[in-house]
């Protein structure tokens, strides 16, 4: 979702809000900031909670995040903030240069969202009507359009405040459901869900047009997501059957052909990689070809730096009972971030992000 009638260039705001999906306390924030870092877009974090992130950054950040992140729900430009009081937020909106903000738009809608179940005394429908009536009074030419508005204003009710802004993007929900592992031509039970695979790609600071590799690519969960954001993708697996599977899956989604190599991740045949994200095999549905997972990871990480550019980043996943942080640092990487995410009752994954 983005207004075609208004490019927001007339609005003097560098304060951006991101309503997060909330399934993890820190991964959505880390993913968004990694995207902006990879694109070398400067930003400053103003506020962060498990459902809301506010950044000082160029509005270009909204487009970048909407193109790459699957862990946000909505985002836009913040125009102001008041206490959690209907009269205060109406007073705030009335003080804004509404004619300038609405330039180029003929119709609008007012939406609201309540995060965390707070301030239930504020009735969202009443709030939307109050602000809508005030907007029509201040800019009489505007019409209400609840189906396809050119301009959508959003009230975010959060803790003890209300944030007022312009909603610019909504995360599309249809495409990701079509990429679920069981929807693909070739299924493997160890394949990551698209949202987690995309997060790993973004945490690796991958960029469109740059070289990305998954040294344990399996049937392609991670490489599909890297290809979708425009990376030049290389996939490696020791099992030819896995490579046949990823080739079928990639063709199914109409993605560009990329390099698929039967090989040993411990001895990668590459130099100058821009990013690596990978989920090495573990568990009863995956084979480590007789190696202990600890030893496989140790040997892979020891050889990975020579295949990467200086300063390039890597994101690796392993079960939480593996000391992945120490293994990564022992291999010469500079540890940047580490996260735990519970997958199901018997598996908690650790994600480690490190720089070469």
Protein backbone atom coordinates (compact mmCIF):
# COMPACT_ATOMS: atom_id res chain seq x y z
CA UNK A 1 0.00 0.00 0.00
CA UNK A 2 1.33 3.40 -0.95
CA UNK A 3 -0.46 6.56 -2.01
CA UNK A 4 -0.11 7.27 -5.71
CA UNK A 5 -1.36 10.82 -5.35
CA UNK A 6 1.04 11.97 -2.69
CA UNK A 7 4.77 11.25 -2.59
CA UNK A 8 5.09 12.94 0.82
CA UNK A 9 7.96 15.12 -0.40
CA UNK A 10 6.16 18.19 0.97
CA UNK A 11 6.00 16.76 4.48
CA UNK A 12 8.87 17.75 6.73
CA UNK A 13 9.19 14.57 8.75
CA UNK A 14 12.13 12.25 9.30
CA UNK A 15 10.45 10.36 12.13
CA UNK A 16 9.23 6.98 10.92
CA UNK A 17 7.09 4.39 12.70
CA UNK A 18 7.06 0.63 12.15
CA UNK A 19 4.36 -1.54 13.71
CA UNK A 20 6.05 -4.90 14.20
CA UNK A 21 4.64 -8.40 13.84
CA UNK A 22 5.50 -9.12 17.48
CA UNK A 23 6.27 -12.84 17.27
CA UNK A 24 9.73 -12.21 18.75
CA UNK A 25 10.92 -9.55 21.17
CA UNK A 26 13.93 -8.37 19.16
CA UNK A 27 14.22 -10.04 15.73
CA UNK A 28 11.82 -7.68 13.89
CA UNK A 29 13.77 -4.66 15.16
CA UNK A 30 17.10 -6.27 14.29
CA UNK A 31 15.88 -7.15 10.80
CA UNK A 32 14.70 -3.62 9.98
CA UNK A 33 17.92 -2.05 11.24
CA UNK A 34 20.01 -4.63 9.35
CA UNK A 35 18.17 -3.76 6.11
CA UNK A 36 18.93 -0.07 6.54
CA UNK A 37 22.52 -0.79 7.51
CA UNK A 38 23.02 -2.99 4.44
CA UNK A 39 21.69 -0.21 2.24
CA UNK A 40 23.97 2.31 3.99
CA UNK A 41 21.02 4.45 5.03
CA UNK A 42 21.67 6.44 8.18
CA UNK A 43 19.18 6.10 11.02
CA UNK A 44 18.83 6.68 14.76
CA UNK A 45 16.58 4.59 16.96
CA UNK A 46 14.18 6.81 18.92
CA UNK A 47 12.03 4.13 20.54
CA UNK A 48 11.68 0.36 20.43
CA UNK A 49 9.32 -2.19 21.97
CA UNK A 50 8.20 -5.61 20.81
CA UNK A 51 5.40 -4.07 18.68
CA UNK A 52 6.64 -0.57 17.83
CA UNK A 53 9.84 0.86 16.40
CA UNK A 54 10.40 4.58 15.79
CA UNK A 55 13.42 5.72 13.82
CA UNK A 56 14.87 9.03 12.71
CA UNK A 57 15.68 8.35 9.05
CA UNK A 58 14.96 9.36 5.49
CA UNK A 59 11.47 8.34 4.28
CA UNK A 60 13.33 6.15 1.77
CA UNK A 61 13.66 3.70 4.65
CA UNK A 62 9.92 2.95 4.47
CA UNK A 63 10.19 1.72 0.89
CA UNK A 64 13.30 -0.36 1.61
CA UNK A 65 11.73 -2.07 4.60
CA UNK A 66 8.47 -2.72 2.76
CA UNK A 67 10.38 -4.41 -0.06
CA UNK A 68 12.45 -6.68 2.17
CA UNK A 69 11.03 -7.25 5.65
CA UNK A 70 8.39 -9.85 6.53
CA UNK A 71 8.37 -8.97 10.25
CA UNK A 72 6.57 -5.64 10.13
CA UNK A 73 2.81 -5.15 9.75
CA UNK A 74 2.49 -1.43 8.90
CA UNK A 75 4.78 1.56 8.61
CA UNK A 76 4.65 5.24 7.80
CA UNK A 77 5.56 8.83 8.60
CA UNK A 78 5.01 10.12 12.12
CA UNK A 79 3.43 13.59 12.14
CA UNK A 80 3.11 14.06 15.87
CA UNK A 81 2.54 12.49 19.28
CA UNK A 82 0.25 13.36 22.17
CA UNK A 83 -0.78 11.92 25.49
CA UNK A 84 -3.40 9.17 25.43
CA UNK A 85 -6.32 11.58 25.45
CA UNK A 86 -8.86 12.18 22.67
CA UNK A 87 -8.90 15.94 23.15
CA UNK A 88 -5.09 16.14 23.09
CA UNK A 89 -4.71 14.19 19.86
CA UNK A 90 -7.45 16.23 18.14
CA UNK A 91 -5.70 19.40 19.29
CA UNK A 92 -2.42 18.07 17.91
CA UNK A 93 -3.90 17.20 14.52
CA UNK A 94 -5.56 20.61 14.27
CA UNK A 95 -2.16 22.27 14.79
CA UNK A 96 -0.59 20.46 11.81
CA UNK A 97 -0.26 22.08 8.34
CA UNK A 98 -3.04 19.87 7.00
CA UNK A 99 -3.47 21.67 3.66
CA UNK A 100 0.19 21.09 2.89
CA UNK A 101 0.12 17.50 4.13
CA UNK A 102 -2.93 16.69 2.00
CA UNK A 103 -1.66 18.41 -1.15
CA UNK A 104 -2.34 16.25 -4.20
CA UNK A 105 -4.91 14.07 -2.46
CA UNK A 106 -8.66 14.23 -2.98
CA UNK A 107 -9.80 11.66 -0.41
CA UNK A 108 -8.66 10.08 2.82
CA UNK A 109 -9.36 7.54 5.55
CA UNK A 110 -8.65 7.49 9.28
CA UNK A 111 -7.49 4.23 10.83
CA UNK A 112 -6.37 3.37 14.34
CA UNK A 113 -4.57 0.50 16.02
CA UNK A 114 -4.17 -0.33 19.68
CA UNK A 115 -0.90 -2.04 20.68
CA UNK A 116 -0.63 -4.14 23.80
CA UNK A 117 -4.24 -3.85 24.90
CA UNK A 118 -3.64 -0.52 26.71
CA UNK A 119 -5.87 2.54 27.15
CA UNK A 120 -9.11 0.72 26.44
CA UNK A 121 -11.06 3.73 27.66
CA UNK A 122 -10.18 5.33 24.32
CA UNK A 123 -12.76 4.12 21.80
CA UNK A 124 -11.09 3.69 18.43
CA UNK A 125 -14.24 4.31 16.39
CA UNK A 126 -14.98 7.51 18.30
CA UNK A 127 -11.38 8.68 17.87
CA UNK A 128 -11.48 8.03 14.11
CA UNK A 129 -14.76 9.97 13.73
CA UNK A 130 -13.47 12.93 15.74
CA UNK A 131 -10.30 13.28 13.70
CA UNK A 132 -12.11 12.61 10.42
CA UNK A 133 -14.64 15.36 11.13
CA UNK A 134 -11.90 17.79 12.07
CA UNK A 135 -9.95 16.99 8.88
CA UNK A 136 -12.99 17.59 6.68
CA UNK A 137 -13.56 20.87 8.46
CA UNK A 138 -9.95 22.01 7.99
CA UNK A 139 -9.62 20.75 4.37
CA UNK A 140 -13.19 20.86 2.97
CA UNK A 141 -12.29 19.49 -0.47
CA UNK A 142 -11.29 16.12 1.03
CA UNK A 143 -13.75 13.24 0.76
CA UNK A 144 -13.83 10.14 2.91
CA UNK A 145 -12.90 6.94 1.04
CA UNK A 146 -12.72 3.82 3.18
CA UNK A 147 -11.95 1.36 0.38
CA UNK A 148 -9.10 2.90 -1.66
CA UNK A 149 -8.06 6.14 0.03
CA UNK A 150 -5.33 8.24 -1.53
CA UNK A 151 -4.18 9.24 1.93
CA UNK A 152 -4.50 7.10 5.05
CA UNK A 153 -3.95 8.65 8.47
CA UNK A 154 -3.20 6.32 11.36
CA UNK A 155 -3.54 6.72 15.14
CA UNK A 156 -1.31 4.31 17.07
CA UNK A 157 -2.49 3.95 20.66
CA UNK A 158 0.53 2.73 22.61
CA UNK A 159 1.28 2.81 26.34
CA UNK A 160 0.46 6.35 27.55
CA UNK A 161 0.52 8.09 24.18
CA UNK A 162 -1.07 8.33 20.74
CA UNK A 163 1.12 8.58 17.66
CA UNK A 164 -0.45 10.26 14.65
CA UNK A 165 0.96 9.69 11.19
CA UNK A 166 0.49 8.74 7.56
CA UNK A 167 0.30 5.05 6.80
CA UNK A 168 2.43 4.38 3.72
CA UNK A 169 2.89 0.60 3.58
CA UNK A 170 1.16 -2.61 4.67
CA UNK A 171 2.95 -5.94 4.57
CA UNK A 172 1.34 -8.11 1.87
CA UNK A 173 0.15 -11.41 3.33
CA UNK A 174 -0.74 -13.47 0.24
CA UNK A 175 2.67 -14.18 -1.35
CA UNK A 176 4.32 -15.46 1.82
CA UNK A 177 1.61 -18.06 2.41
CA UNK A 178 2.23 -19.41 -1.10
CA UNK A 179 5.89 -19.96 -0.23
CA UNK A 180 5.27 -22.12 2.82
CA UNK A 181 7.43 -25.27 2.62
CA UNK A 182 4.51 -27.63 2.05
CA UNK A 183 3.26 -25.48 -0.84
CA UNK A 184 6.48 -26.01 -2.82
CA UNK A 185 7.03 -28.81 -5.36
CA UNK A 186 9.78 -30.33 -3.18
CA UNK A 187 9.24 -30.42 0.58
CA UNK A 188 11.73 -31.21 3.32
CA UNK A 189 10.69 -31.16 6.99
CA UNK A 190 13.84 -29.27 8.05
CA UNK A 191 13.12 -26.33 5.72
CA UNK A 192 12.70 -22.95 7.43
CA UNK A 193 9.48 -20.99 7.17
CA UNK A 194 9.81 -18.05 4.70
CA UNK A 195 9.59 -15.36 7.38
CA UNK A 196 12.52 -16.82 9.35
CA UNK A 197 14.56 -17.55 6.22
CA UNK A 198 14.04 -13.97 4.99
CA UNK A 199 15.06 -12.64 8.39
CA UNK A 200 18.34 -14.57 8.21
CA UNK A 201 19.04 -13.17 4.74
CA UNK A 202 18.41 -9.63 5.97
CA UNK A 203 20.49 -10.13 9.13
CA UNK A 204 23.41 -11.15 6.90
CA UNK A 205 23.30 -7.63 5.40
CA UNK A 206 22.62 -9.08 1.94
CA UNK A 207 21.87 -6.53 -0.78
CA UNK A 208 20.20 -6.70 -4.20
CA UNK A 209 22.78 -7.20 -6.92
CA UNK A 210 25.40 -8.51 -4.49
CA UNK A 211 26.66 -12.08 -4.15
CA UNK A 212 24.97 -14.19 -1.49
CA UNK A 213 25.63 -17.83 -0.59
CA UNK A 214 23.96 -20.55 1.45
CA UNK A 215 26.56 -23.30 1.95
CA UNK A 216 23.95 -25.77 3.32
CA UNK A 217 21.12 -24.84 0.97
CA UNK A 218 18.97 -28.00 1.24
CA UNK A 219 15.84 -27.61 -0.91
CA UNK A 220 16.19 -23.85 -1.00
CA UNK A 221 14.30 -22.11 1.79
CA UNK A 222 16.97 -19.45 2.34
CA UNK A 223 18.17 -19.08 -1.25
CA UNK A 224 14.61 -18.51 -2.46
CA UNK A 225 14.25 -15.55 -0.09
CA UNK A 226 17.65 -14.13 -1.07
CA UNK A 227 16.75 -14.41 -4.75
CA UNK A 228 13.41 -12.68 -4.16
CA UNK A 229 15.14 -9.56 -2.81
CA UNK A 230 17.43 -9.47 -5.85
CA UNK A 231 20.69 -11.06 -4.69
CA UNK A 232 23.00 -13.01 -7.00
CA UNK A 233 22.62 -16.33 -5.24
CA UNK A 234 24.91 -19.33 -4.87
CA UNK A 235 23.68 -22.55 -3.25
CA UNK A 236 25.87 -25.42 -2.07
CA UNK A 237 24.86 -28.84 -0.75
CA UNK A 238 26.65 -32.16 -0.46
CA UNK A 239 23.52 -34.08 -1.45
CA UNK A 240 22.64 -34.06 -5.19
CA UNK A 241 19.03 -34.90 -4.35
CA UNK A 242 18.75 -31.64 -2.38
CA UNK A 243 20.09 -29.66 -5.31
CA UNK A 244 17.55 -31.24 -7.65
CA UNK A 245 14.89 -30.19 -5.14
CA UNK A 246 16.04 -26.58 -4.88
CA UNK A 247 16.20 -26.34 -8.68
CA UNK A 248 12.56 -27.44 -8.96
CA UNK A 249 11.49 -25.04 -6.20
CA UNK A 250 13.30 -22.09 -7.75
CA UNK A 251 11.73 -22.76 -11.16
CA UNK A 252 8.30 -23.02 -9.54
CA UNK A 253 8.59 -19.45 -8.26
CA UNK A 254 9.93 -18.15 -11.56
CA UNK A 255 13.17 -16.95 -10.03
CA UNK A 256 16.36 -16.29 -11.98
CA UNK A 257 18.79 -19.15 -12.42
CA UNK A 258 21.62 -19.03 -9.92
CA UNK A 259 24.68 -21.18 -9.17
CA UNK A 260 23.91 -24.55 -7.60
CA UNK A 261 26.96 -26.58 -6.68
CA UNK A 262 27.44 -30.06 -5.24
CA UNK A 263 30.11 -29.39 -2.68
CA UNK A 264 31.44 -29.42 0.83
CA UNK A 265 30.56 -26.35 2.92
CA UNK A 266 33.81 -26.82 4.84
CA UNK A 267 35.75 -26.03 1.66
CA UNK A 268 33.75 -23.44 -0.24
CA UNK A 269 34.92 -22.85 -3.84
CA UNK A 270 34.23 -19.10 -3.67
CA UNK A 271 36.05 -15.85 -3.06
CA UNK A 272 34.66 -12.39 -2.45
CA UNK A 273 31.18 -13.27 -1.17
CA UNK A 274 29.18 -10.27 0.06
CA UNK A 275 27.00 -12.23 2.51
CA UNK A 276 26.30 -15.72 3.84
CA UNK A 277 23.22 -17.00 5.64
CA UNK A 278 22.82 -20.68 6.37
CA UNK A 279 21.06 -23.24 8.54
CA UNK A 280 23.36 -26.30 8.80
CA UNK A 281 21.74 -29.74 9.05
CA UNK A 282 20.75 -31.16 12.41
CA UNK A 283 18.00 -33.36 13.78
CA UNK A 284 16.71 -36.70 12.59
CA UNK A 285 15.45 -35.37 9.25
CA UNK A 286 18.86 -34.04 8.21
CA UNK A 287 22.22 -35.67 7.61
CA UNK A 288 25.60 -34.39 8.75
CA UNK A 289 27.28 -37.30 6.92
CA UNK A 290 28.64 -38.84 10.07
CA UNK A 291 30.06 -35.64 11.57
CA UNK A 292 29.02 -34.23 14.92
CA UNK A 293 27.21 -30.92 14.41
CA UNK A 294 29.79 -29.16 16.59
CA UNK A 295 32.63 -30.40 14.37
CA UNK A 296 30.77 -29.59 11.15
CA UNK A 297 30.12 -26.03 12.30
CA UNK A 298 33.68 -25.61 13.53
CA UNK A 299 35.18 -26.68 10.20
CA UNK A 300 32.69 -24.67 8.15
CA UNK A 301 33.27 -21.49 10.14
CA UNK A 302 37.06 -21.94 10.03
CA UNK A 303 37.00 -21.94 6.24
CA UNK A 304 34.29 -19.35 5.64
CA UNK A 305 36.36 -16.16 6.10
CA UNK A 306 38.56 -16.92 3.10
CA UNK A 307 35.49 -17.08 0.85
CA UNK A 308 34.12 -13.70 2.00
CA UNK A 309 35.05 -10.09 1.43
CA UNK A 310 36.59 -8.22 4.36
CA UNK A 311 33.73 -6.65 6.32
CA UNK A 312 31.13 -9.02 4.86
CA UNK A 313 28.57 -10.48 7.27
CA UNK A 314 27.38 -13.97 8.02
CA UNK A 315 24.24 -15.26 9.75
CA UNK A 316 24.28 -18.84 11.01
CA UNK A 317 21.63 -20.85 12.82
CA UNK A 318 22.07 -23.81 15.15
CA UNK A 319 20.22 -25.41 18.08
CA UNK A 320 20.63 -23.40 21.26
CA UNK A 321 22.62 -26.14 22.99
CA UNK A 322 25.52 -25.51 20.57
CA UNK A 323 27.92 -22.73 21.63
CA UNK A 324 27.65 -21.06 18.25
CA UNK A 325 28.90 -17.67 19.46
CA UNK A 326 32.20 -19.13 20.66
CA UNK A 327 32.66 -21.19 17.50
CA UNK A 328 32.11 -18.09 15.36
CA UNK A 329 34.57 -15.99 17.33
CA UNK A 330 37.15 -18.80 17.39
CA UNK A 331 37.02 -18.80 13.57
CA UNK A 332 38.09 -15.16 13.52
CA UNK A 333 34.72 -13.47 13.00
CA UNK A 334 33.70 -10.43 15.01
CA UNK A 335 30.46 -11.27 16.80
CA UNK A 336 27.78 -8.67 16.10
CA UNK A 337 24.44 -10.05 17.35
CA UNK A 338 22.92 -13.20 18.82
CA UNK A 339 19.24 -14.17 19.14
CA UNK A 340 17.24 -17.12 20.44
CA UNK A 341 13.95 -18.10 18.80
CA UNK A 342 11.72 -20.93 19.95
CA UNK A 343 10.57 -23.02 17.00
CA UNK A 344 8.63 -25.69 18.89
CA UNK A 345 8.71 -27.52 22.22
CA UNK A 346 11.90 -29.44 21.48
CA UNK A 347 13.80 -26.89 19.40
CA UNK A 348 15.08 -23.41 20.15
CA UNK A 349 17.33 -21.95 17.49
CA UNK A 350 20.17 -19.53 18.01
CA UNK A 351 20.96 -17.02 15.28
CA UNK A 352 24.45 -15.56 15.31
CA UNK A 353 25.41 -12.59 13.13
CA UNK A 354 29.11 -11.89 12.70
CA UNK A 355 31.40 -9.79 10.52
CA UNK A 356 34.43 -11.06 8.66
